[in-house]
Amino acid sequence: MTMFKLHVNKDFRVGIGDLSQMIGVSTRQLRYWESKGYIKSLAGEEGSTRKFSIGTCYRAATIRAFLDEGYTLAKAVAKTEQVKNQVAIVRHFENEMLKDIKVTDEDKGYGEIDYGYLANEPTKKVYGVIDENGYRMETREVNAGQLPLTKVRGL
């Protein structure tokens, strides 16, 4: 299976008023966050309304969520940065390791994620499984007839 990357249009912009409404934070507060360097507006013409990228919208929403949990603004920003870094690691891992996704029941949202061969075990594959028993990781034996030639020959 060939995986694809979703590219959000680089021209996607949200005005400060819309962002304020989307995340429930005043425009004044957003301007304050921008003055502190916590969020960044896109470069625009002088005197034009502030516009924000989709990434900044997610960042502002995450900051707001941490504020709602009781964090100070500085801690909320630090936690937001931590989440951003964690998500980047997960995305990188998934891009490198994910081999295939098989839907086993569309109605129930069940399926299997093939992560490929287990390190140092060329006859075992790792799967993430979602089924009636919940979520889990499994290893499965792969018989010689299913192995790629490089695995069979040891190349």
C-alpha atoms as a PDB file:
ATOM      1  CA  MET A   1       0.000   0.000   0.000  1.00  0.00           C
ATOM      2  CA  THR A   2       1.296   3.436  -0.873  1.00  0.00           C
ATOM      3  CA  MET A   3       0.758   5.954   1.911  1.00  0.00           C
ATOM      4  CA  PHE A   4       0.145   9.568   1.004  1.00  0.00           C
ATOM      5  CA  LYS A   5       0.686  12.777   2.879  1.00  0.00           C
ATOM      6  CA  LEU A   6      -2.081  15.310   3.188  1.00  0.00           C
ATOM      7  CA  HIS A   7      -0.832  18.750   2.326  1.00  0.00           C
ATOM      8  CA  VAL A   8      -2.999  21.568   3.566  1.00  0.00           C
ATOM      9  CA  ASN A   9      -3.065  24.430   1.122  1.00  0.00           C
ATOM     10  CA  LYS A  10      -0.332  26.887   2.129  1.00  0.00           C
ATOM     11  CA  ASP A  11      -2.770  29.713   1.433  1.00  0.00           C
ATOM     12  CA  PHE A  12      -5.183  28.520   4.134  1.00  0.00           C
ATOM     13  CA  ARG A  13      -5.614  31.475   6.489  1.00  0.00           C
ATOM     14  CA  VAL A  14      -7.914  32.186   9.386  1.00  0.00           C
ATOM     15  CA  GLY A  15      -8.624  35.719  10.534  1.00  0.00           C
ATOM     16  CA  ILE A  16      -8.152  36.662  14.164  1.00  0.00           C
ATOM     17  CA  GLY A  17     -11.915  37.032  14.681  1.00  0.00           C
ATOM     18  CA  ASP A  18     -12.616  33.573  13.286  1.00  0.00           C
ATOM     19  CA  LEU A  19      -9.821  32.022  15.351  1.00  0.00           C
ATOM     20  CA  SER A  20     -11.193  33.783  18.428  1.00  0.00           C
ATOM     21  CA  GLN A  21     -14.640  32.283  17.815  1.00  0.00           C
ATOM     22  CA  MET A  22     -13.299  28.820  16.976  1.00  0.00           C
ATOM     23  CA  ILE A  23     -11.352  28.384  20.203  1.00  0.00           C
ATOM     24  CA  GLY A  24     -13.253  30.663  22.565  1.00  0.00           C
ATOM     25  CA  VAL A  25     -10.456  33.134  23.284  1.00  0.00           C
ATOM     26  CA  SER A  26     -10.784  36.904  22.877  1.00  0.00           C
ATOM     27  CA  THR A  27      -8.957  38.655  20.051  1.00  0.00           C
ATOM     28  CA  ARG A  28      -7.197  40.720  22.719  1.00  0.00           C
ATOM     29  CA  GLN A  29      -5.868  37.544  24.314  1.00  0.00           C
ATOM     30  CA  LEU A  30      -4.682  36.256  20.928  1.00  0.00           C
ATOM     31  CA  ARG A  31      -2.845  39.520  20.300  1.00  0.00           C
ATOM     32  CA  TYR A  32      -1.228  39.189  23.742  1.00  0.00           C
ATOM     33  CA  TRP A  33      -0.123  35.630  22.969  1.00  0.00           C
ATOM     34  CA  GLU A  34       1.326  36.893  19.701  1.00  0.00           C
ATOM     35  CA  SER A  35       3.183  39.736  21.471  1.00  0.00           C
ATOM     36  CA  LYS A  36       4.752  37.122  23.790  1.00  0.00           C
ATOM     37  CA  GLY A  37       5.771  34.927  20.836  1.00  0.00           C
ATOM     38  CA  TYR A  38       3.427  32.073  21.801  1.00  0.00           C
ATOM     39  CA  ILE A  39       1.644  32.221  18.443  1.00  0.00           C
ATOM     40  CA  LYS A  40       2.616  33.846  15.167  1.00  0.00           C
ATOM     41  CA  SER A  41       0.458  35.516  12.559  1.00  0.00           C
ATOM     42  CA  LEU A  42       1.237  35.309   8.870  1.00  0.00           C
ATOM     43  CA  ALA A  43       2.995  38.221   7.253  1.00  0.00           C
ATOM     44  CA  GLY A  44       0.481  40.489   5.608  1.00  0.00           C
ATOM     45  CA  GLU A  45       0.021  44.004   4.394  1.00  0.00           C
ATOM     46  CA  GLU A  46       0.361  46.765   6.951  1.00  0.00           C
ATOM     47  CA  GLY A  47      -2.973  47.583   8.544  1.00  0.00           C
ATOM     48  CA  SER A  48      -4.595  44.332   7.399  1.00  0.00           C
ATOM     49  CA  THR A  49      -6.379  41.938   9.742  1.00  0.00           C
ATOM     50  CA  ARG A  50      -4.148  39.346  11.352  1.00  0.00           C
ATOM     51  CA  LYS A  51      -4.288  35.959   9.647  1.00  0.00           C
ATOM     52  CA  PHE A  52      -3.134  32.633  11.062  1.00  0.00           C
ATOM     53  CA  SER A  53      -2.045  29.336   9.503  1.00  0.00           C
ATOM     54  CA  ILE A  54      -3.772  26.042  10.291  1.00  0.00           C
ATOM     55  CA  GLY A  55      -0.758  25.059  12.421  1.00  0.00           C
ATOM     56  CA  THR A  56      -1.122  28.190  14.518  1.00  0.00           C
ATOM     57  CA  CYS A  57      -4.849  27.494  14.893  1.00  0.00           C
ATOM     58  CA  TYR A  58      -4.048  24.050  16.318  1.00  0.00           C
ATOM     59  CA  ARG A  59      -1.385  25.555  18.564  1.00  0.00           C
ATOM     60  CA  ALA A  60      -3.762  28.211  19.915  1.00  0.00           C
ATOM     61  CA  ALA A  61      -6.489  25.597  20.493  1.00  0.00           C
ATOM     62  CA  THR A  62      -4.029  23.400  22.382  1.00  0.00           C
ATOM     63  CA  ILE A  63      -2.886  26.305  24.545  1.00  0.00           C
ATOM     64  CA  ARG A  64      -6.529  27.048  25.313  1.00  0.00           C
ATOM     65  CA  ALA A  65      -7.182  23.402  26.239  1.00  0.00           C
ATOM     66  CA  PHE A  66      -4.283  23.415  28.717  1.00  0.00           C
ATOM     67  CA  LEU A  67      -5.485  26.712  30.185  1.00  0.00           C
ATOM     68  CA  ASP A  68      -8.906  25.102  30.678  1.00  0.00           C
ATOM     69  CA  GLU A  69      -7.168  22.284  32.583  1.00  0.00           C
ATOM     70  CA  GLY A  70      -5.786  24.858  35.012  1.00  0.00           C
ATOM     71  CA  TYR A  71      -2.258  25.422  33.709  1.00  0.00           C
ATOM     72  CA  THR A  72      -0.728  28.883  33.743  1.00  0.00           C
ATOM     73  CA  LEU A  73      -0.196  30.456  30.337  1.00  0.00           C
ATOM     74  CA  ALA A  74       3.563  29.775  30.428  1.00  0.00           C
ATOM     75  CA  LYS A  75       2.986  26.115  31.409  1.00  0.00           C
ATOM     76  CA  ALA A  76       0.228  25.758  28.802  1.00  0.00           C
ATOM     77  CA  VAL A  77       2.633  26.970  26.111  1.00  0.00           C
ATOM     78  CA  ALA A  78       5.356  24.588  27.351  1.00  0.00           C
ATOM     79  CA  LYS A  79       2.909  21.661  27.371  1.00  0.00           C
ATOM     80  CA  THR A  80       1.756  22.637  23.857  1.00  0.00           C
ATOM     81  CA  GLU A  81       5.354  22.492  22.641  1.00  0.00           C
ATOM     82  CA  GLN A  82       5.769  19.087  24.291  1.00  0.00           C
ATOM     83  CA  VAL A  83       2.642  17.785  22.529  1.00  0.00           C
ATOM     84  CA  LYS A  84       3.890  19.177  19.203  1.00  0.00           C
ATOM     85  CA  ASN A  85       7.181  17.298  19.630  1.00  0.00           C
ATOM     86  CA  GLN A  86       5.408  14.082  20.637  1.00  0.00           C
ATOM     87  CA  VAL A  87       3.095  14.264  17.623  1.00  0.00           C
ATOM     88  CA  ALA A  88       6.096  14.793  15.328  1.00  0.00           C
ATOM     89  CA  ILE A  89       7.717  11.631  16.716  1.00  0.00           C
ATOM     90  CA  VAL A  90       4.534   9.602  16.245  1.00  0.00           C
ATOM     91  CA  ARG A  91       4.133  10.890  12.663  1.00  0.00           C
ATOM     92  CA  HIS A  92       7.742  10.071  11.843  1.00  0.00           C
ATOM     93  CA  PHE A  93       7.388   6.576  13.315  1.00  0.00           C
ATOM     94  CA  GLU A  94       4.155   5.927  11.424  1.00  0.00           C
ATOM     95  CA  ASN A  95       5.616   7.202   8.137  1.00  0.00           C
ATOM     96  CA  GLU A  96       8.626   4.913   8.476  1.00  0.00           C
ATOM     97  CA  MET A  97       7.036   1.802   9.987  1.00  0.00           C
ATOM     98  CA  LEU A  98       3.485   1.529   8.699  1.00  0.00           C
ATOM     99  CA  LYS A  99       3.291  -0.995   5.868  1.00  0.00           C
ATOM    100  CA  ASP A 100      -0.427  -1.603   5.373  1.00  0.00           C
ATOM    101  CA  ILE A 101      -3.840  -1.052   6.932  1.00  0.00           C
ATOM    102  CA  LYS A 102      -6.587  -3.624   6.545  1.00  0.00           C
ATOM    103  CA  VAL A 103     -10.179  -2.781   7.464  1.00  0.00           C
ATOM    104  CA  THR A 104     -11.816  -5.881   8.927  1.00  0.00           C
ATOM    105  CA  ASP A 105     -15.230  -4.367   9.781  1.00  0.00           C
ATOM    106  CA  GLU A 106     -16.188  -0.957   8.362  1.00  0.00           C
ATOM    107  CA  ASP A 107     -19.328  -0.602  10.484  1.00  0.00           C
ATOM    108  CA  LYS A 108     -17.518  -1.180  13.777  1.00  0.00           C
ATOM    109  CA  GLY A 109     -14.258   0.532  12.825  1.00  0.00           C
ATOM    110  CA  TYR A 110     -12.191  -2.628  13.264  1.00  0.00           C
ATOM    111  CA  GLY A 111      -8.940  -3.246  11.478  1.00  0.00           C
ATOM    112  CA  GLU A 112      -5.293  -4.224  11.520  1.00  0.00           C
ATOM    113  CA  ILE A 113      -2.190  -2.123  11.038  1.00  0.00           C
ATOM    114  CA  ASP A 114       0.821  -3.945   9.590  1.00  0.00           C
ATOM    115  CA  TYR A 115       4.068  -2.539  11.016  1.00  0.00           C
ATOM    116  CA  GLY A 116       6.271  -4.996   9.155  1.00  0.00           C
ATOM    117  CA  TYR A 117       8.843  -7.447  10.403  1.00  0.00           C
ATOM    118  CA  LEU A 118       9.971  -7.590  14.009  1.00  0.00           C
ATOM    119  CA  ALA A 119      13.602  -6.488  14.366  1.00  0.00           C
ATOM    120  CA  ASN A 120      15.968  -9.473  14.415  1.00  0.00           C
ATOM    121  CA  GLU A 121      13.035 -11.858  13.850  1.00  0.00           C
ATOM    122  CA  PRO A 122      12.618 -12.208  10.068  1.00  0.00           C
ATOM    123  CA  THR A 123       9.736 -14.674  10.430  1.00  0.00           C
ATOM    124  CA  LYS A 124       7.545 -12.479  12.662  1.00  0.00           C
ATOM    125  CA  LYS A 125       5.455  -9.438  11.816  1.00  0.00           C
ATOM    126  CA  VAL A 126       3.996  -6.844  14.177  1.00  0.00           C
ATOM    127  CA  TYR A 127       0.353  -5.788  13.962  1.00  0.00           C
ATOM    128  CA  GLY A 128      -1.781  -3.247  15.758  1.00  0.00           C
ATOM    129  CA  VAL A 129      -5.271  -4.706  16.082  1.00  0.00           C
ATOM    130  CA  ILE A 130      -8.621  -3.087  16.842  1.00  0.00           C
ATOM    131  CA  ASP A 131     -11.482  -5.554  17.265  1.00  0.00           C
ATOM    132  CA  GLU A 132     -14.230  -6.635  19.651  1.00  0.00           C
ATOM    133  CA  ASN A 133     -11.541  -7.349  22.269  1.00  0.00           C
ATOM    134  CA  GLY A 134     -10.202  -3.780  22.187  1.00  0.00           C
ATOM    135  CA  TYR A 135      -6.807  -2.443  21.117  1.00  0.00           C
ATOM    136  CA  ARG A 136      -3.558  -4.427  21.204  1.00  0.00           C
ATOM    137  CA  MET A 137      -0.262  -5.201  19.538  1.00  0.00           C
ATOM    138  CA  GLU A 138       0.432  -8.714  18.244  1.00  0.00           C
ATOM    139  CA  THR A 139       3.295 -10.589  16.659  1.00  0.00           C
ATOM    140  CA  ARG A 140       2.470 -13.249  14.090  1.00  0.00           C
ATOM    141  CA  GLU A 141       4.573 -15.951  12.532  1.00  0.00           C
ATOM    142  CA  VAL A 142       5.024 -15.622   8.781  1.00  0.00           C
ATOM    143  CA  ASN A 143       5.601 -18.887   6.932  1.00  0.00           C
ATOM    144  CA  ALA A 144       8.411 -19.148   4.398  1.00  0.00           C
ATOM    145  CA  GLY A 145       5.961 -18.909   1.471  1.00  0.00           C
ATOM    146  CA  GLN A 146       4.888 -15.442   2.636  1.00  0.00           C
ATOM    147  CA  LEU A 147       8.382 -14.057   3.221  1.00  0.00           C
ATOM    148  CA  PRO A 148       9.892 -11.663   0.675  1.00  0.00           C
ATOM    149  CA  LEU A 149      12.791 -13.207  -1.249  1.00  0.00           C
ATOM    150  CA  THR A 150      15.285 -11.050   0.619  1.00  0.00           C
ATOM    151  CA  LYS A 151      14.042 -12.575   3.898  1.00  0.00           C
ATOM    152  CA  VAL A 152      14.084 -16.158   2.575  1.00  0.00           C
ATOM    153  CA  ARG A 153      17.554 -15.884   1.057  1.00  0.00           C
ATOM    154  CA  GLY A 154      18.915 -13.770   3.883  1.00  0.00           C
ATOM    155  CA  LEU A 155      20.045 -11.077   1.431  1.00  0.00           C
END
